[in-house]
Amino acid sequence: MSRLRDQRGQGFSEQIGRKAERKRRAREAEGRTVFFWLGMFGMVGWAIAVPSLLGIMLGLWLDRHWPAAQASWTLTFLILGVALGCLNAWYWIRRESGDD
């Protein structure tokens, strides 16, 4: 019976610890204004747009110099650029949210 109480008490103290940590994070995030989040939104957009445009430019250059019979280099590098941009944006969002 005392073992059961210890387990319940330990679970309760862990729950309190999680709530305290969540409250601490909320207090730290209070300084983040609407402008911070708009800036984050813009940064995520650029993090996806720049690699995509670079992929398109590389693909167009490759299509002019080494045309492929069955596949388009432009489309291939566009897809790779979008994927790389999404990974980059995910990294920055994760970093800002504190989930390192």
PDB file of N, CA and C in Angstrom:
ATOM      1  N   MET A   1       0.822  -1.203   0.000  1.00  0.00           N
ATOM      2  CA  MET A   1       0.000   0.000   0.000  1.00  0.00           C
ATOM      3  C   MET A   1       0.861   1.261   0.000  1.00  0.00           C
ATOM      4  N   SER A   2       1.931   1.275   0.796  1.00  0.00           N
ATOM      5  CA  SER A   2       2.791   2.456   0.825  1.00  0.00           C
ATOM      6  C   SER A   2       3.503   2.629  -0.520  1.00  0.00           C
ATOM      7  N   ARG A   3       3.791   1.511  -1.170  1.00  0.00           N
ATOM      8  CA  ARG A   3       4.420   1.568  -2.495  1.00  0.00           C
ATOM      9  C   ARG A   3       3.479   2.248  -3.499  1.00  0.00           C
ATOM     10  N   LEU A   4       2.181   1.937  -3.405  1.00  0.00           N
ATOM     11  CA  LEU A   4       1.198   2.550  -4.282  1.00  0.00           C
ATOM     12  C   LEU A   4       1.136   4.056  -4.032  1.00  0.00           C
ATOM     13  N   ARG A   5       1.198   4.467  -2.765  1.00  0.00           N
ATOM     14  CA  ARG A   5       1.180   5.889  -2.439  1.00  0.00           C
ATOM     15  C   ARG A   5       2.423   6.586  -2.988  1.00  0.00           C
ATOM     16  N   ASP A   6       3.585   5.933  -2.921  1.00  0.00           N
ATOM     17  CA  ASP A   6       4.813   6.526  -3.435  1.00  0.00           C
ATOM     18  C   ASP A   6       4.711   6.756  -4.936  1.00  0.00           C
ATOM     19  N   GLN A   7       4.135   5.786  -5.633  1.00  0.00           N
ATOM     20  CA  GLN A   7       3.999   5.932  -7.071  1.00  0.00           C
ATOM     21  C   GLN A   7       3.035   7.058  -7.410  1.00  0.00           C
ATOM     22  N   ARG A   8       1.951   7.151  -6.687  1.00  0.00           N
ATOM     23  CA  ARG A   8       1.003   8.238  -6.934  1.00  0.00           C
ATOM     24  C   ARG A   8       1.631   9.582  -6.589  1.00  0.00           C
ATOM     25  N   GLY A   9       2.340   9.651  -5.483  1.00  0.00           N
ATOM     26  CA  GLY A   9       3.004  10.885  -5.079  1.00  0.00           C
ATOM     27  C   GLY A   9       4.059  11.305  -6.086  1.00  0.00           C
ATOM     28  N   GLN A  10       4.793  10.341  -6.618  1.00  0.00           N
ATOM     29  CA  GLN A  10       5.814  10.648  -7.602  1.00  0.00           C
ATOM     30  C   GLN A  10       5.167  11.169  -8.889  1.00  0.00           C
ATOM     31  N   GLY A  11       4.082  10.545  -9.310  1.00  0.00           N
ATOM     32  CA  GLY A  11       3.367  11.008 -10.495  1.00  0.00           C
ATOM     33  C   GLY A  11       2.821  12.410 -10.299  1.00  0.00           C
ATOM     34  N   PHE A  12       2.346  12.688  -9.085  1.00  0.00           N
ATOM     35  CA  PHE A  12       1.810  14.012  -8.778  1.00  0.00           C
ATOM     36  C   PHE A  12       2.916  15.059  -8.814  1.00  0.00           C
ATOM     37  N   SER A  13       4.070  14.726  -8.242  1.00  0.00           N
ATOM     38  CA  SER A  13       5.171  15.698  -8.247  1.00  0.00           C
ATOM     39  C   SER A  13       5.693  15.924  -9.667  1.00  0.00           C
ATOM     40  N   GLU A  14       5.703  14.896 -10.497  1.00  0.00           N
ATOM     41  CA  GLU A  14       6.103  15.069 -11.902  1.00  0.00           C
ATOM     42  C   GLU A  14       5.111  15.970 -12.632  1.00  0.00           C
ATOM     43  N   GLN A  15       3.827  15.793 -12.337  1.00  0.00           N
ATOM     44  CA  GLN A  15       2.796  16.614 -12.961  1.00  0.00           C
ATOM     45  C   GLN A  15       2.970  18.079 -12.558  1.00  0.00           C
ATOM     46  N   ILE A  16       3.272  18.318 -11.308  1.00  0.00           N
ATOM     47  CA  ILE A  16       3.500  19.691 -10.832  1.00  0.00           C
ATOM     48  C   ILE A  16       4.731  20.281 -11.517  1.00  0.00           C
ATOM     49  N   GLY A  17       5.772  19.465 -11.662  1.00  0.00           N
ATOM     50  CA  GLY A  17       6.980  19.927 -12.339  1.00  0.00           C
ATOM     51  C   GLY A  17       6.716  20.313 -13.786  1.00  0.00           C
ATOM     52  N   ARG A  18       5.918  19.505 -14.492  1.00  0.00           N
ATOM     53  CA  ARG A  18       5.578  19.821 -15.877  1.00  0.00           C
ATOM     54  C   ARG A  18       4.782  21.112 -15.966  1.00  0.00           C
ATOM     55  N   LYS A  19       3.833  21.295 -15.049  1.00  0.00           N
ATOM     56  CA  LYS A  19       3.035  22.522 -15.068  1.00  0.00           C
ATOM     57  C   LYS A  19       3.889  23.744 -14.757  1.00  0.00           C
ATOM     58  N   ALA A  20       4.821  23.616 -13.828  1.00  0.00           N
ATOM     59  CA  ALA A  20       5.711  24.735 -13.497  1.00  0.00           C
ATOM     60  C   ALA A  20       6.597  25.082 -14.687  1.00  0.00           C
ATOM     61  N   GLU A  21       7.096  24.078 -15.388  1.00  0.00           N
ATOM     62  CA  GLU A  21       7.923  24.317 -16.570  1.00  0.00           C
ATOM     63  C   GLU A  21       7.114  24.998 -17.671  1.00  0.00           C
ATOM     64  N   ARG A  22       5.876  24.572 -17.865  1.00  0.00           N
ATOM     65  CA  ARG A  22       5.013  25.193 -18.874  1.00  0.00           C
ATOM     66  C   ARG A  22       4.739  26.657 -18.512  1.00  0.00           C
ATOM     67  N   LYS A  23       4.523  26.934 -17.238  1.00  0.00           N
ATOM     68  CA  LYS A  23       4.278  28.305 -16.794  1.00  0.00           C
ATOM     69  C   LYS A  23       5.535  29.161 -16.995  1.00  0.00           C
ATOM     70  N   ARG A  24       6.725  28.592 -16.712  1.00  0.00           N
ATOM     71  CA  ARG A  24       7.977  29.324 -16.909  1.00  0.00           C
ATOM     72  C   ARG A  24       8.166  29.684 -18.380  1.00  0.00           C
ATOM     73  N   ARG A  25       7.885  28.744 -19.270  1.00  0.00           N
ATOM     74  CA  ARG A  25       8.002  29.014 -20.709  1.00  0.00           C
ATOM     75  C   ARG A  25       7.020  30.083 -21.160  1.00  0.00           C
ATOM     76  N   ALA A  26       5.814  30.054 -20.611  1.00  0.00           N
ATOM     77  CA  ALA A  26       4.811  31.061 -20.973  1.00  0.00           C
ATOM     78  C   ALA A  26       5.270  32.451 -20.540  1.00  0.00           C
ATOM     79  N   ARG A  27       5.887  32.545 -19.370  1.00  0.00           N
ATOM     80  CA  ARG A  27       6.387  33.841 -18.906  1.00  0.00           C
ATOM     81  C   ARG A  27       7.515  34.342 -19.793  1.00  0.00           C
ATOM     82  N   GLU A  28       8.381  33.456 -20.227  1.00  0.00           N
ATOM     83  CA  GLU A  28       9.481  33.851 -21.112  1.00  0.00           C
ATOM     84  C   GLU A  28       8.960  34.309 -22.472  1.00  0.00           C
ATOM     85  N   ALA A  29       7.875  33.705 -22.930  1.00  0.00           N
ATOM     86  CA  ALA A  29       7.330  34.016 -24.256  1.00  0.00           C
ATOM     87  C   ALA A  29       6.481  35.282 -24.252  1.00  0.00           C
ATOM     88  N   GLU A  30       6.229  35.875 -23.091  1.00  0.00           N
ATOM     89  CA  GLU A  30       5.382  37.066 -23.037  1.00  0.00           C
ATOM     90  C   GLU A  30       5.980  38.224 -23.801  1.00  0.00           C
ATOM     91  N   GLY A  31       7.304  38.294 -23.906  1.00  0.00           N
ATOM     92  CA  GLY A  31       7.957  39.391 -24.605  1.00  0.00           C
ATOM     93  C   GLY A  31       7.840  39.287 -26.114  1.00  0.00           C
ATOM     94  N   ARG A  32       7.348  38.202 -26.616  1.00  0.00           N
ATOM     95  CA  ARG A  32       7.219  38.011 -28.068  1.00  0.00           C
ATOM     96  C   ARG A  32       5.926  38.643 -28.551  1.00  0.00           C
ATOM     97  N   THR A  33       6.100  39.683 -29.309  1.00  0.00           N
ATOM     98  CA  THR A  33       4.940  40.437 -29.778  1.00  0.00           C
ATOM     99  C   THR A  33       4.458  39.892 -31.119  1.00  0.00           C
ATOM    100  N   VAL A  34       3.421  40.540 -31.629  1.00  0.00           N
ATOM    101  CA  VAL A  34       2.887  40.183 -32.935  1.00  0.00           C
ATOM    102  C   VAL A  34       3.957  40.381 -34.001  1.00  0.00           C
ATOM    103  N   PHE A  35       4.784  41.404 -33.830  1.00  0.00           N
ATOM    104  CA  PHE A  35       5.838  41.678 -34.802  1.00  0.00           C
ATOM    105  C   PHE A  35       6.885  40.571 -34.829  1.00  0.00           C
ATOM    106  N   PHE A  36       7.151  39.984 -33.663  1.00  0.00           N
ATOM    107  CA  PHE A  36       8.072  38.840 -33.622  1.00  0.00           C
ATOM    108  C   PHE A  36       7.524  37.704 -34.466  1.00  0.00           C
ATOM    109  N   TRP A  37       6.246  37.400 -34.295  1.00  0.00           N
ATOM    110  CA  TRP A  37       5.649  36.284 -35.027  1.00  0.00           C
ATOM    111  C   TRP A  37       5.503  36.601 -36.515  1.00  0.00           C
ATOM    112  N   LEU A  38       5.245  37.850 -36.868  1.00  0.00           N
ATOM    113  CA  LEU A  38       5.218  38.231 -38.281  1.00  0.00           C
ATOM    114  C   LEU A  38       6.608  38.076 -38.903  1.00  0.00           C
ATOM    115  N   GLY A  39       7.625  38.461 -38.143  1.00  0.00           N
ATOM    116  CA  GLY A  39       8.989  38.269 -38.606  1.00  0.00           C
ATOM    117  C   GLY A  39       9.328  36.799 -38.785  1.00  0.00           C
ATOM    118  N   MET A  40       8.855  35.979 -37.860  1.00  0.00           N
ATOM    119  CA  MET A  40       9.086  34.532 -37.960  1.00  0.00           C
ATOM    120  C   MET A  40       8.374  33.976 -39.188  1.00  0.00           C
ATOM    121  N   PHE A  41       7.174  34.440 -39.441  1.00  0.00           N
ATOM    122  CA  PHE A  41       6.424  34.003 -40.606  1.00  0.00           C
ATOM    123  C   PHE A  41       7.168  34.365 -41.890  1.00  0.00           C
ATOM    124  N   GLY A  42       7.681  35.590 -41.944  1.00  0.00           N
ATOM    125  CA  GLY A  42       8.454  36.025 -43.107  1.00  0.00           C
ATOM    126  C   GLY A  42       9.733  35.227 -43.271  1.00  0.00           C
ATOM    127  N   MET A  43      10.408  34.933 -42.161  1.00  0.00           N
ATOM    128  CA  MET A  43      11.643  34.170 -42.223  1.00  0.00           C
ATOM    129  C   MET A  43      11.384  32.755 -42.743  1.00  0.00           C
ATOM    130  N   VAL A  44      10.298  32.160 -42.326  1.00  0.00           N
ATOM    131  CA  VAL A  44       9.943  30.826 -42.813  1.00  0.00           C
ATOM    132  C   VAL A  44       9.658  30.884 -44.317  1.00  0.00           C
ATOM    133  N   GLY A  45       8.975  31.925 -44.758  1.00  0.00           N
ATOM    134  CA  GLY A  45       8.702  32.076 -46.185  1.00  0.00           C
ATOM    135  C   GLY A  45       9.972  32.190 -46.998  1.00  0.00           C
ATOM    136  N   TRP A  46      10.905  33.024 -46.528  1.00  0.00           N
ATOM    137  CA  TRP A  46      12.174  33.168 -47.242  1.00  0.00           C
ATOM    138  C   TRP A  46      13.001  31.897 -47.170  1.00  0.00           C
ATOM    139  N   ALA A  47      12.922  31.185 -46.048  1.00  0.00           N
ATOM    140  CA  ALA A  47      13.683  29.945 -45.902  1.00  0.00           C
ATOM    141  C   ALA A  47      13.239  28.897 -46.921  1.00  0.00           C
ATOM    142  N   ILE A  48      12.013  28.983 -47.380  1.00  0.00           N
ATOM    143  CA  ILE A  48      11.519  28.048 -48.397  1.00  0.00           C
ATOM    144  C   ILE A  48      11.702  28.631 -49.796  1.00  0.00           C
ATOM    145  N   ALA A  49      11.482  29.930 -49.953  1.00  0.00           N
ATOM    146  CA  ALA A  49      11.532  30.547 -51.280  1.00  0.00           C
ATOM    147  C   ALA A  49      12.946  30.576 -51.872  1.00  0.00           C
ATOM    148  N   VAL A  50      13.938  30.921 -51.067  1.00  0.00           N
ATOM    149  CA  VAL A  50      15.296  31.063 -51.596  1.00  0.00           C
ATOM    150  C   VAL A  50      15.848  29.745 -52.140  1.00  0.00           C
ATOM    151  N   PRO A  51      15.808  28.629 -51.380  1.00  0.00           N
ATOM    152  CA  PRO A  51      16.311  27.374 -51.961  1.00  0.00           C
ATOM    153  C   PRO A  51      15.501  26.924 -53.177  1.00  0.00           C
ATOM    154  N   SER A  52      14.206  27.222 -53.186  1.00  0.00           N
ATOM    155  CA  SER A  52      13.377  26.856 -54.342  1.00  0.00           C
ATOM    156  C   SER A  52      13.810  27.614 -55.588  1.00  0.00           C
ATOM    157  N   LEU A  53      14.024  28.917 -55.448  1.00  0.00           N
ATOM    158  CA  LEU A  53      14.456  29.728 -56.588  1.00  0.00           C
ATOM    159  C   LEU A  53      15.859  29.344 -57.058  1.00  0.00           C
ATOM    160  N   LEU A  54      16.741  29.047 -56.103  1.00  0.00           N
ATOM    161  CA  LEU A  54      18.080  28.593 -56.483  1.00  0.00           C
ATOM    162  C   LEU A  54      18.016  27.259 -57.230  1.00  0.00           C
ATOM    163  N   GLY A  55      17.133  26.380 -56.791  1.00  0.00           N
ATOM    164  CA  GLY A  55      16.944  25.105 -57.482  1.00  0.00           C
ATOM    165  C   GLY A  55      16.425  25.296 -58.897  1.00  0.00           C
ATOM    166  N   ILE A  56      15.502  26.228 -59.058  1.00  0.00           N
ATOM    167  CA  ILE A  56      14.971  26.513 -60.400  1.00  0.00           C
ATOM    168  C   ILE A  56      16.076  27.062 -61.300  1.00  0.00           C
ATOM    169  N   MET A  57      16.863  27.995 -60.778  1.00  0.00           N
ATOM    170  CA  MET A  57      17.939  28.576 -61.580  1.00  0.00           C
ATOM    171  C   MET A  57      18.963  27.517 -61.991  1.00  0.00           C
ATOM    172  N   LEU A  58      19.347  26.654 -61.055  1.00  0.00           N
ATOM    173  CA  LEU A  58      20.292  25.579 -61.375  1.00  0.00           C
ATOM    174  C   LEU A  58      19.685  24.620 -62.398  1.00  0.00           C
ATOM    175  N   GLY A  59      18.415  24.290 -62.218  1.00  0.00           N
ATOM    176  CA  GLY A  59      17.737  23.396 -63.154  1.00  0.00           C
ATOM    177  C   GLY A  59      17.649  23.975 -64.558  1.00  0.00           C
ATOM    178  N   LEU A  60      17.347  25.259 -64.666  1.00  0.00           N
ATOM    179  CA  LEU A  60      17.288  25.903 -65.978  1.00  0.00           C
ATOM    180  C   LEU A  60      18.659  25.896 -66.656  1.00  0.00           C
ATOM    181  N   TRP A  61      19.688  26.185 -65.873  1.00  0.00           N
ATOM    182  CA  TRP A  61      21.039  26.169 -66.430  1.00  0.00           C
ATOM    183  C   TRP A  61      21.413  24.762 -66.923  1.00  0.00           C
ATOM    184  N   LEU A  62      21.087  23.739 -66.124  1.00  0.00           N
ATOM    185  CA  LEU A  62      21.387  22.361 -66.529  1.00  0.00           C
ATOM    186  C   LEU A  62      20.566  21.946 -67.748  1.00  0.00           C
ATOM    187  N   ASP A  63      19.312  22.377 -67.824  1.00  0.00           N
ATOM    188  CA  ASP A  63      18.473  22.045 -68.985  1.00  0.00           C
ATOM    189  C   ASP A  63      19.039  22.655 -70.277  1.00  0.00           C
ATOM    190  N   ARG A  64      19.631  23.830 -70.164  1.00  0.00           N
ATOM    191  CA  ARG A  64      20.229  24.455 -71.354  1.00  0.00           C
ATOM    192  C   ARG A  64      21.515  23.760 -71.794  1.00  0.00           C
ATOM    193  N   HIS A  65      22.318  23.334 -70.817  1.00  0.00           N
ATOM    194  CA  HIS A  65      23.625  22.769 -71.151  1.00  0.00           C
ATOM    195  C   HIS A  65      23.609  21.251 -71.328  1.00  0.00           C
ATOM    196  N   TRP A  66      22.805  20.543 -70.564  1.00  0.00           N
ATOM    197  CA  TRP A  66      22.688  19.081 -70.668  1.00  0.00           C
ATOM    198  C   TRP A  66      21.215  18.680 -70.654  1.00  0.00           C
ATOM    199  N   PRO A  67      20.540  18.840 -71.757  1.00  0.00           N
ATOM    200  CA  PRO A  67      19.113  18.488 -71.779  1.00  0.00           C
ATOM    201  C   PRO A  67      18.923  16.981 -71.576  1.00  0.00           C
ATOM    202  N   ALA A  68      17.996  16.658 -70.722  1.00  0.00           N
ATOM    203  CA  ALA A  68      17.678  15.249 -70.456  1.00  0.00           C
ATOM    204  C   ALA A  68      16.498  14.855 -71.336  1.00  0.00           C
ATOM    205  N   ALA A  69      16.524  13.629 -71.817  1.00  0.00           N
ATOM    206  CA  ALA A  69      15.472  13.170 -72.725  1.00  0.00           C
ATOM    207  C   ALA A  69      14.153  12.938 -71.985  1.00  0.00           C
ATOM    208  N   GLN A  70      14.228  12.396 -70.782  1.00  0.00           N
ATOM    209  CA  GLN A  70      12.995  11.995 -70.103  1.00  0.00           C
ATOM    210  C   GLN A  70      12.649  12.863 -68.892  1.00  0.00           C
ATOM    211  N   ALA A  71      13.628  13.498 -68.280  1.00  0.00           N
ATOM    212  CA  ALA A  71      13.359  14.238 -67.046  1.00  0.00           C
ATOM    213  C   ALA A  71      13.793  15.690 -67.199  1.00  0.00           C
ATOM    214  N   SER A  72      13.131  16.544 -66.494  1.00  0.00           N
ATOM    215  CA  SER A  72      13.468  17.963 -66.489  1.00  0.00           C
ATOM    216  C   SER A  72      14.337  18.260 -65.266  1.00  0.00           C
ATOM    217  N   TRP A  73      15.502  18.852 -65.511  1.00  0.00           N
ATOM    218  CA  TRP A  73      16.365  19.234 -64.395  1.00  0.00           C
ATOM    219  C   TRP A  73      15.694  20.327 -63.557  1.00  0.00           C
ATOM    220  N   THR A  74      14.967  21.191 -64.218  1.00  0.00           N
ATOM    221  CA  THR A  74      14.311  22.288 -63.505  1.00  0.00           C
ATOM    222  C   THR A  74      13.311  21.756 -62.484  1.00  0.00           C
ATOM    223  N   LEU A  75      12.488  20.835 -62.913  1.00  0.00           N
ATOM    224  CA  LEU A  75      11.502  20.258 -62.002  1.00  0.00           C
ATOM    225  C   LEU A  75      12.178  19.482 -60.871  1.00  0.00           C
ATOM    226  N   THR A  76      13.225  18.758 -61.210  1.00  0.00           N
ATOM    227  CA  THR A  76      13.949  17.980 -60.201  1.00  0.00           C
ATOM    228  C   THR A  76      14.534  18.885 -59.123  1.00  0.00           C
ATOM    229  N   PHE A  77      15.220  19.953 -59.559  1.00  0.00           N
ATOM    230  CA  PHE A  77      15.845  20.836 -58.576  1.00  0.00           C
ATOM    231  C   PHE A  77      14.841  21.745 -57.883  1.00  0.00           C
ATOM    232  N   LEU A  78      13.694  21.992 -58.487  1.00  0.00           N
ATOM    233  CA  LEU A  78      12.633  22.713 -57.790  1.00  0.00           C
ATOM    234  C   LEU A  78      12.146  21.886 -56.602  1.00  0.00           C
ATOM    235  N   ILE A  79      11.906  20.611 -56.836  1.00  0.00           N
ATOM    236  CA  ILE A  79      11.443  19.727 -55.762  1.00  0.00           C
ATOM    237  C   ILE A  79      12.493  19.621 -54.665  1.00  0.00           C
ATOM    238  N   LEU A  80      13.768  19.478 -55.058  1.00  0.00           N
ATOM    239  CA  LEU A  80      14.842  19.418 -54.063  1.00  0.00           C
ATOM    240  C   LEU A  80      14.955  20.726 -53.284  1.00  0.00           C
ATOM    241  N   GLY A  81      14.796  21.861 -53.966  1.00  0.00           N
ATOM    242  CA  GLY A  81      14.851  23.155 -53.295  1.00  0.00           C
ATOM    243  C   GLY A  81      13.723  23.343 -52.299  1.00  0.00           C
ATOM    244  N   VAL A  82      12.526  22.935 -52.668  1.00  0.00           N
ATOM    245  CA  VAL A  82      11.386  23.038 -51.743  1.00  0.00           C
ATOM    246  C   VAL A  82      11.613  22.134 -50.531  1.00  0.00           C
ATOM    247  N   ALA A  83      12.102  20.922 -50.760  1.00  0.00           N
ATOM    248  CA  ALA A  83      12.361  19.999 -49.652  1.00  0.00           C
ATOM    249  C   ALA A  83      13.431  20.566 -48.720  1.00  0.00           C
ATOM    250  N   LEU A  84      14.502  21.085 -49.289  1.00  0.00           N
ATOM    251  CA  LEU A  84      15.560  21.679 -48.479  1.00  0.00           C
ATOM    252  C   LEU A  84      15.045  22.896 -47.715  1.00  0.00           C
ATOM    253  N   GLY A  85      14.230  23.715 -48.363  1.00  0.00           N
ATOM    254  CA  GLY A  85      13.651  24.886 -47.708  1.00  0.00           C
ATOM    255  C   GLY A  85      12.724  24.511 -46.562  1.00  0.00           C
ATOM    256  N   CYS A  86      11.945  23.461 -46.752  1.00  0.00           N
ATOM    257  CA  CYS A  86      11.046  23.014 -45.676  1.00  0.00           C
ATOM    258  C   CYS A  86      11.843  22.493 -44.480  1.00  0.00           C
ATOM    259  N   LEU A  87      12.919  21.763 -44.752  1.00  0.00           N
ATOM    260  CA  LEU A  87      13.775  21.295 -43.650  1.00  0.00           C
ATOM    261  C   LEU A  87      14.404  22.474 -42.917  1.00  0.00           C
ATOM    262  N   ASN A  88      14.837  23.468 -43.671  1.00  0.00           N
ATOM    263  CA  ASN A  88      15.423  24.661 -43.076  1.00  0.00           C
ATOM    264  C   ASN A  88      14.395  25.402 -42.212  1.00  0.00           C
ATOM    265  N   ALA A  89      13.189  25.573 -42.722  1.00  0.00           N
ATOM    266  CA  ALA A  89      12.132  26.249 -41.957  1.00  0.00           C
ATOM    267  C   ALA A  89      11.779  25.460 -40.712  1.00  0.00           C
ATOM    268  N   TRP A  90      11.711  24.150 -40.815  1.00  0.00           N
ATOM    269  CA  TRP A  90      11.417  23.297 -39.659  1.00  0.00           C
ATOM    270  C   TRP A  90      12.491  23.474 -38.588  1.00  0.00           C
ATOM    271  N   TYR A  91      13.752  23.547 -39.015  1.00  0.00           N
ATOM    272  CA  TYR A  91      14.850  23.749 -38.076  1.00  0.00           C
ATOM    273  C   TYR A  91      14.672  25.058 -37.308  1.00  0.00           C
ATOM    274  N   TRP A  92      14.370  26.156 -38.030  1.00  0.00           N
ATOM    275  CA  TRP A  92      14.249  27.458 -37.378  1.00  0.00           C
ATOM    276  C   TRP A  92      13.037  27.518 -36.453  1.00  0.00           C
ATOM    277  N   ILE A  93      11.941  26.931 -36.861  1.00  0.00           N
ATOM    278  CA  ILE A  93      10.750  26.931 -35.996  1.00  0.00           C
ATOM    279  C   ILE A  93      11.015  26.118 -34.735  1.00  0.00           C
ATOM    280  N   ARG A  94      11.650  24.990 -34.905  1.00  0.00           N
ATOM    281  CA  ARG A  94      11.980  24.144 -33.750  1.00  0.00           C
ATOM    282  C   ARG A  94      12.933  24.863 -32.800  1.00  0.00           C
ATOM    283  N   ARG A  95      13.897  25.571 -33.386  1.00  0.00           N
ATOM    284  CA  ARG A  95      14.861  26.303 -32.577  1.00  0.00           C
ATOM    285  C   ARG A  95      14.178  27.417 -31.780  1.00  0.00           C
ATOM    286  N   GLU A  96      13.290  28.148 -32.409  1.00  0.00           N
ATOM    287  CA  GLU A  96      12.597  29.255 -31.743  1.00  0.00           C
ATOM    288  C   GLU A  96      11.596  28.778 -30.701  1.00  0.00           C
ATOM    289  N   SER A  97      11.012  27.612 -30.918  1.00  0.00           N
ATOM    290  CA  SER A  97      10.034  27.117 -29.948  1.00  0.00           C
ATOM    291  C   SER A  97      10.706  26.479 -28.733  1.00  0.00           C
ATOM    292  N   GLY A  98      12.023  26.296 -28.795  1.00  0.00           N
ATOM    293  CA  GLY A  98      12.752  25.756 -27.638  1.00  0.00           C
ATOM    294  C   GLY A  98      12.733  24.261 -27.528  1.00  0.00           C
ATOM    295  N   ASP A  99      12.467  23.544 -28.608  1.00  0.00           N
ATOM    296  CA  ASP A  99      12.418  22.079 -28.590  1.00  0.00           C
ATOM    297  C   ASP A  99      13.734  21.448 -29.005  1.00  0.00           C
ATOM    298  N   ASP A 100      14.857  22.127 -28.777  1.00  0.00           N
ATOM    299  CA  ASP A 100      16.160  21.606 -29.208  1.00  0.00           C
ATOM    300  C   ASP A 100      16.475  20.269 -28.608  1.00  0.00           C
TER     301      ASP A 100
END
